[in-house]
Amino acid sequence: MKEDNDVSRIFLLNPDPRLLREAHRAGVQVRSAWADPHHESALRPLLKEAAAAGLFVNPARALRLLADPDAVQRLVRDNRLSPDAGAVSGAPRLTVETLTVHGMHQTVGITARMPYGLLSPAPLTEDTAAEVRAVVTALLDLAGYQYGPAHTEVTLTRQGPVITGCRAGLADDPIPQLLHVAGGFDLAAGAVRVLAGNLVEAARPERFAAAAESSRPPGPEQAPADVRFVPAQGDLHPGHFVVHADSPASAAQRVTSLSALVAGEAS
């Protein structure tokens, strides 16, 4: 990441604890507010006040739109961003992480949903990855999104990538951990930088990272030292173990072996 600009203050609406922790670690001052993002009239005065204080904020319309899955789908449909692919069940599914500053969107990670869990980076051809990036950034442009992270869901069909969802904010764990293991990129740190109006440079992944759900980590005497465990977040999100690998096939093999190990320990 570039370090040529001083990051000192950011604005967070309904702040994510992960961003609060990163801001505190980086010495960044946080101004936050709580409001229902579905109500544009409630957002406007808060955003106007933050902007008057010199903080970078999104338009109220953009936040309202990205908080409403139906509005996202209308935007996709009305602007023909995705092909009319009909049923997409069974087609490959991706999640795309972007960071936006001054209305410029940078894709910092594309993760594939695999039968065993998650794989990052998604094993795509350059042409397919470019198509995915283009459709996601087009959606964010149409939404008017200006600053911060966004998490977009895409399904790959024969007709092309189909956007199935998009929201402002960080991806749920363990996707940030996958980006870090695969390429050394810290998604929360990057989000804090763009919210302060600074550019980021995404690291190019040098290996693959995979994750699978697990109620507990493998036993310390049996699991390799490089296995990471991401604990569950309350009752909504399960725990995961995260491993690195040199190829998608190796990632699948490692995850399958660890899953069997954990299941064996639990029995």
Protein backbone atom coordinates (compact mmCIF):
# COMPACT_ATOMS: atom_id res chain seq x y z
CA MET A 1 0.00 0.00 0.00
CA LYS A 2 1.10 3.54 -0.64
CA GLU A 3 2.13 5.50 2.41
CA ASP A 4 2.53 8.94 0.84
CA ASN A 5 -0.58 10.45 2.45
CA ASP A 6 -1.32 10.85 6.15
CA VAL A 7 -4.40 8.93 7.27
CA SER A 8 -5.91 10.68 10.28
CA ARG A 9 -9.73 10.73 10.29
CA ILE A 10 -12.54 8.68 8.79
CA PHE A 11 -16.32 8.51 8.98
CA LEU A 12 -18.09 5.20 9.63
CA LEU A 13 -21.82 4.69 9.37
CA ASN A 14 -22.99 1.82 11.62
CA PRO A 15 -19.33 0.95 12.21
CA ASP A 16 -17.99 -2.55 11.64
CA PRO A 17 -15.99 -3.63 14.73
CA ARG A 18 -13.19 -4.86 12.45
CA LEU A 19 -12.80 -1.38 10.97
CA LEU A 20 -12.88 0.18 14.42
CA ARG A 21 -10.09 -2.13 15.56
CA GLU A 22 -7.98 -1.39 12.49
CA ALA A 23 -8.50 2.36 12.82
CA HIS A 24 -7.43 2.20 16.45
CA ARG A 25 -4.37 0.13 15.56
CA ALA A 26 -3.40 2.60 12.82
CA GLY A 27 -3.97 5.68 14.98
CA VAL A 28 -6.87 6.87 12.84
CA GLN A 29 -9.59 8.95 14.46
CA VAL A 30 -13.12 7.68 13.83
CA ARG A 31 -16.27 9.73 13.64
CA SER A 32 -19.25 7.39 13.57
CA ALA A 33 -23.03 7.55 13.46
CA TRP A 34 -25.87 5.08 13.60
CA ALA A 35 -28.81 5.24 11.22
CA ASP A 36 -31.06 2.96 9.19
CA PRO A 37 -29.44 2.99 5.72
CA HIS A 38 -32.80 2.20 4.14
CA HIS A 39 -34.05 5.69 5.07
CA GLU A 40 -32.34 8.25 2.87
CA SER A 41 -33.89 11.16 4.75
CA ALA A 42 -32.23 9.97 7.97
CA LEU A 43 -28.85 9.60 6.27
CA ARG A 44 -28.63 13.03 4.64
CA PRO A 45 -28.09 15.22 7.75
CA LEU A 46 -25.49 12.82 9.19
CA LEU A 47 -23.55 12.69 5.94
CA LYS A 48 -23.81 16.44 5.44
CA GLU A 49 -22.40 17.06 8.90
CA ALA A 50 -19.53 14.62 8.32
CA ALA A 51 -18.72 16.16 4.94
CA ALA A 52 -18.70 19.63 6.49
CA ALA A 53 -16.07 18.34 8.93
CA GLY A 54 -13.85 17.43 5.99
CA LEU A 55 -14.53 13.69 6.06
CA PHE A 56 -15.11 11.57 2.97
CA VAL A 57 -18.67 10.28 2.75
CA ASN A 58 -20.91 8.49 0.28
CA PRO A 59 -24.10 9.97 -1.14
CA ALA A 60 -27.16 8.98 0.87
CA ARG A 61 -28.73 7.47 -2.26
CA ALA A 62 -25.77 5.13 -2.77
CA LEU A 63 -25.92 3.82 0.80
CA ARG A 64 -29.69 3.37 0.65
CA LEU A 65 -29.50 1.54 -2.66
CA LEU A 66 -26.73 -0.85 -1.61
CA ALA A 67 -28.62 -1.65 1.60
CA ASP A 68 -31.61 -2.90 -0.41
CA PRO A 69 -31.11 -6.19 -2.32
CA ASP A 70 -34.22 -5.57 -4.42
CA ALA A 71 -32.97 -2.11 -5.42
CA VAL A 72 -29.63 -3.61 -6.44
CA GLN A 73 -31.38 -6.15 -8.64
CA ARG A 74 -33.52 -3.43 -10.24
CA LEU A 75 -30.39 -1.42 -11.00
CA VAL A 76 -28.76 -4.49 -12.57
CA ARG A 77 -31.86 -5.31 -14.60
CA ASP A 78 -32.73 -1.78 -15.73
CA ASN A 79 -29.17 -1.14 -16.92
CA ARG A 80 -28.70 -4.61 -18.42
CA LEU A 81 -25.52 -5.16 -16.44
CA SER A 82 -26.00 -8.93 -16.42
CA PRO A 83 -27.30 -11.21 -19.17
CA ASP A 84 -30.76 -12.71 -18.85
CA ALA A 85 -29.37 -16.10 -17.94
CA GLY A 86 -32.49 -17.63 -16.43
CA ALA A 87 -31.85 -20.08 -13.62
CA VAL A 88 -28.32 -19.88 -12.23
CA SER A 89 -28.51 -22.69 -9.70
CA GLY A 90 -25.48 -24.93 -9.94
CA ALA A 91 -23.39 -22.33 -11.79
CA PRO A 92 -20.04 -21.25 -10.30
CA ARG A 93 -20.44 -18.54 -7.65
CA LEU A 94 -17.96 -15.82 -6.78
CA THR A 95 -17.60 -13.04 -4.25
CA VAL A 96 -15.79 -9.87 -5.30
CA GLU A 97 -14.16 -7.45 -2.87
CA THR A 98 -13.60 -3.87 -3.97
CA LEU A 99 -12.21 -0.72 -2.37
CA THR A 100 -13.40 2.64 -3.65
CA VAL A 101 -11.79 6.07 -3.26
CA HIS A 102 -12.97 9.27 -5.00
CA GLY A 103 -15.34 7.10 -7.05
CA MET A 104 -12.54 4.88 -8.38
CA HIS A 105 -13.13 1.19 -7.74
CA GLN A 106 -10.33 -1.33 -7.35
CA THR A 107 -10.96 -5.06 -7.21
CA VAL A 108 -8.74 -6.47 -4.47
CA GLY A 109 -9.99 -10.05 -4.37
CA ILE A 110 -12.18 -12.57 -6.19
CA THR A 111 -13.11 -15.66 -4.20
CA ALA A 112 -14.81 -18.80 -5.50
CA ARG A 113 -17.37 -20.86 -3.61
CA MET A 114 -16.21 -24.45 -3.94
CA PRO A 115 -17.94 -27.71 -2.90
CA TYR A 116 -15.72 -27.82 0.20
CA GLY A 117 -15.82 -24.10 1.07
CA LEU A 118 -13.99 -21.05 -0.31
CA LEU A 119 -10.96 -20.59 -2.58
CA SER A 120 -9.04 -17.37 -3.24
CA PRO A 121 -8.07 -16.26 -5.79
CA ALA A 122 -10.83 -17.80 -7.85
CA PRO A 123 -9.32 -19.96 -10.63
CA LEU A 124 -10.48 -17.81 -13.56
CA THR A 125 -9.03 -17.02 -16.96
CA GLU A 126 -7.80 -13.46 -17.42
CA ASP A 127 -10.71 -12.72 -19.76
CA THR A 128 -13.32 -14.00 -17.31
CA ALA A 129 -11.75 -12.15 -14.38
CA ALA A 130 -11.77 -8.94 -16.45
CA GLU A 131 -15.47 -9.44 -17.26
CA VAL A 132 -16.26 -9.93 -13.59
CA ARG A 133 -14.32 -6.82 -12.55
CA ALA A 134 -15.99 -4.74 -15.28
CA VAL A 135 -19.56 -5.65 -14.35
CA VAL A 136 -18.95 -5.07 -10.64
CA THR A 137 -17.32 -1.66 -11.13
CA ALA A 138 -20.12 -0.69 -13.53
CA LEU A 139 -22.68 -1.45 -10.82
CA LEU A 140 -20.81 0.61 -8.23
CA ASP A 141 -20.56 3.49 -10.71
CA LEU A 142 -24.32 3.40 -11.31
CA ALA A 143 -24.98 3.26 -7.58
CA GLY A 144 -22.84 6.37 -7.08
CA TYR A 145 -20.58 4.69 -4.52
CA GLN A 146 -17.62 6.92 -3.69
CA TYR A 147 -15.69 5.61 -0.65
CA GLY A 148 -15.12 2.35 1.16
CA PRO A 149 -15.31 -1.41 0.77
CA ALA A 150 -18.03 -3.29 -1.08
CA HIS A 151 -18.88 -6.97 -1.29
CA THR A 152 -20.51 -8.23 -4.50
CA GLU A 153 -21.85 -11.67 -5.34
CA VAL A 154 -21.54 -12.91 -8.91
CA THR A 155 -22.62 -16.13 -10.61
CA LEU A 156 -20.81 -17.28 -13.76
CA THR A 157 -23.08 -18.46 -16.56
CA ARG A 158 -22.46 -19.34 -20.19
CA GLN A 159 -23.93 -15.97 -21.14
CA GLY A 160 -21.56 -14.10 -18.82
CA PRO A 161 -21.27 -12.98 -15.17
CA VAL A 162 -24.57 -12.35 -13.39
CA ILE A 163 -24.65 -10.06 -10.35
CA THR A 164 -26.80 -11.60 -7.63
CA GLY A 165 -26.09 -9.17 -4.79
CA CYS A 166 -23.99 -6.22 -3.65
CA ARG A 167 -23.63 -4.38 -0.36
CA ALA A 168 -21.36 -1.76 1.14
CA GLY A 169 -18.90 -2.99 3.75
CA LEU A 170 -16.35 -5.70 4.40
CA ALA A 171 -16.95 -9.31 3.48
CA ASP A 172 -17.76 -11.67 6.32
CA ASP A 173 -14.91 -13.73 7.72
CA PRO A 174 -13.04 -15.75 6.54
CA ILE A 175 -12.77 -13.90 3.20
CA PRO A 176 -10.48 -11.15 4.58
CA GLN A 177 -8.22 -13.86 6.01
CA LEU A 178 -8.12 -15.62 2.62
CA LEU A 179 -6.96 -12.44 0.87
CA HIS A 180 -4.24 -12.03 3.47
CA VAL A 181 -3.00 -15.61 3.23
CA ALA A 182 -3.09 -15.68 -0.60
CA GLY A 183 -1.47 -12.32 -1.26
CA GLY A 184 -0.65 -10.53 1.97
CA PHE A 185 -3.44 -7.99 1.45
CA ASP A 186 -5.10 -6.56 4.58
CA LEU A 187 -8.68 -5.76 3.58
CA ALA A 188 -9.56 -3.84 6.76
CA ALA A 189 -6.41 -1.71 6.52
CA GLY A 190 -7.16 -0.97 2.88
CA ALA A 191 -10.72 0.00 3.76
CA VAL A 192 -9.51 2.47 6.38
CA ARG A 193 -7.15 4.03 3.84
CA VAL A 194 -9.78 4.57 1.15
CA LEU A 195 -12.24 5.93 3.70
CA ALA A 196 -9.57 8.53 4.45
CA GLY A 197 -9.28 9.38 0.76
CA ASN A 198 -6.06 7.51 0.03
CA LEU A 199 -5.21 5.07 -2.74
CA VAL A 200 -4.30 1.45 -2.11
CA GLU A 201 -2.29 -1.09 -4.04
CA ALA A 202 -3.64 -4.63 -3.96
CA ALA A 203 -1.04 -7.35 -3.61
CA ARG A 204 -0.91 -9.89 -6.41
CA PRO A 205 -1.69 -13.33 -4.95
CA GLU A 206 1.34 -15.61 -4.98
CA ARG A 207 -0.53 -18.72 -3.85
CA PHE A 208 -4.03 -19.98 -3.12
CA ALA A 209 -5.90 -19.90 0.17
CA ALA A 210 -8.86 -22.08 1.04
CA ALA A 211 -11.33 -22.20 3.91
CA ALA A 212 -13.94 -24.62 5.17
CA GLU A 213 -16.44 -24.45 8.01
CA SER A 214 -15.43 -25.98 11.30
CA SER A 215 -16.88 -25.81 14.78
CA ARG A 216 -13.38 -26.05 16.25
CA PRO A 217 -9.75 -26.10 15.06
CA PRO A 218 -7.87 -29.32 14.38
CA GLY A 219 -5.92 -30.67 17.33
CA PRO A 220 -2.48 -29.05 17.77
CA GLU A 221 -0.65 -32.37 17.61
CA GLN A 222 -2.19 -33.38 14.29
CA ALA A 223 -2.74 -30.18 12.30
CA PRO A 224 0.12 -28.46 10.44
CA ALA A 225 1.43 -25.29 12.03
CA ASP A 226 0.32 -23.17 9.05
CA VAL A 227 -3.40 -23.86 9.59
CA ARG A 228 -5.27 -20.79 10.78
CA PHE A 229 -8.56 -20.96 12.63
CA VAL A 230 -11.11 -18.15 12.35
CA PRO A 231 -13.56 -18.48 15.25
CA ALA A 232 -17.32 -18.21 14.89
CA GLN A 233 -18.94 -14.77 15.09
CA GLY A 234 -21.82 -15.29 17.44
CA ASP A 235 -24.61 -17.54 16.20
CA LEU A 236 -24.78 -16.07 12.70
CA HIS A 237 -21.46 -17.13 11.18
CA PRO A 238 -19.63 -20.43 11.70
CA GLY A 239 -15.95 -20.84 12.41
CA HIS A 240 -13.50 -21.75 9.63
CA PHE A 241 -10.02 -23.11 9.21
CA VAL A 242 -7.85 -21.49 6.54
CA VAL A 243 -4.95 -23.10 4.69
CA HIS A 244 -2.64 -22.11 1.84
CA ALA A 245 -1.77 -24.21 -1.20
CA ASP A 246 0.13 -24.00 -4.48
CA SER A 247 -2.83 -24.93 -6.69
CA PRO A 248 -6.63 -25.31 -6.56
CA ALA A 249 -6.25 -29.10 -6.56
CA SER A 250 -3.82 -28.96 -3.65
CA ALA A 251 -6.16 -26.61 -1.78
CA ALA A 252 -9.06 -29.03 -2.19
CA GLN A 253 -6.92 -31.92 -0.98
CA ARG A 254 -5.68 -30.05 2.10
CA VAL A 255 -9.16 -28.89 3.08
CA THR A 256 -10.67 -32.33 2.57
CA SER A 257 -7.97 -33.92 4.72
CA LEU A 258 -8.39 -31.39 7.50
CA SER A 259 -12.16 -31.70 7.41
CA ALA A 260 -11.83 -35.44 7.85
CA LEU A 261 -9.36 -34.90 10.69
CA VAL A 262 -11.68 -32.54 12.55
CA ALA A 263 -14.65 -34.84 12.02
CA GLY A 264 -12.58 -37.74 13.36
CA GLU A 265 -11.61 -35.78 16.46
CA ALA A 266 -15.21 -34.80 17.10
CA SER A 267 -16.49 -38.37 16.90
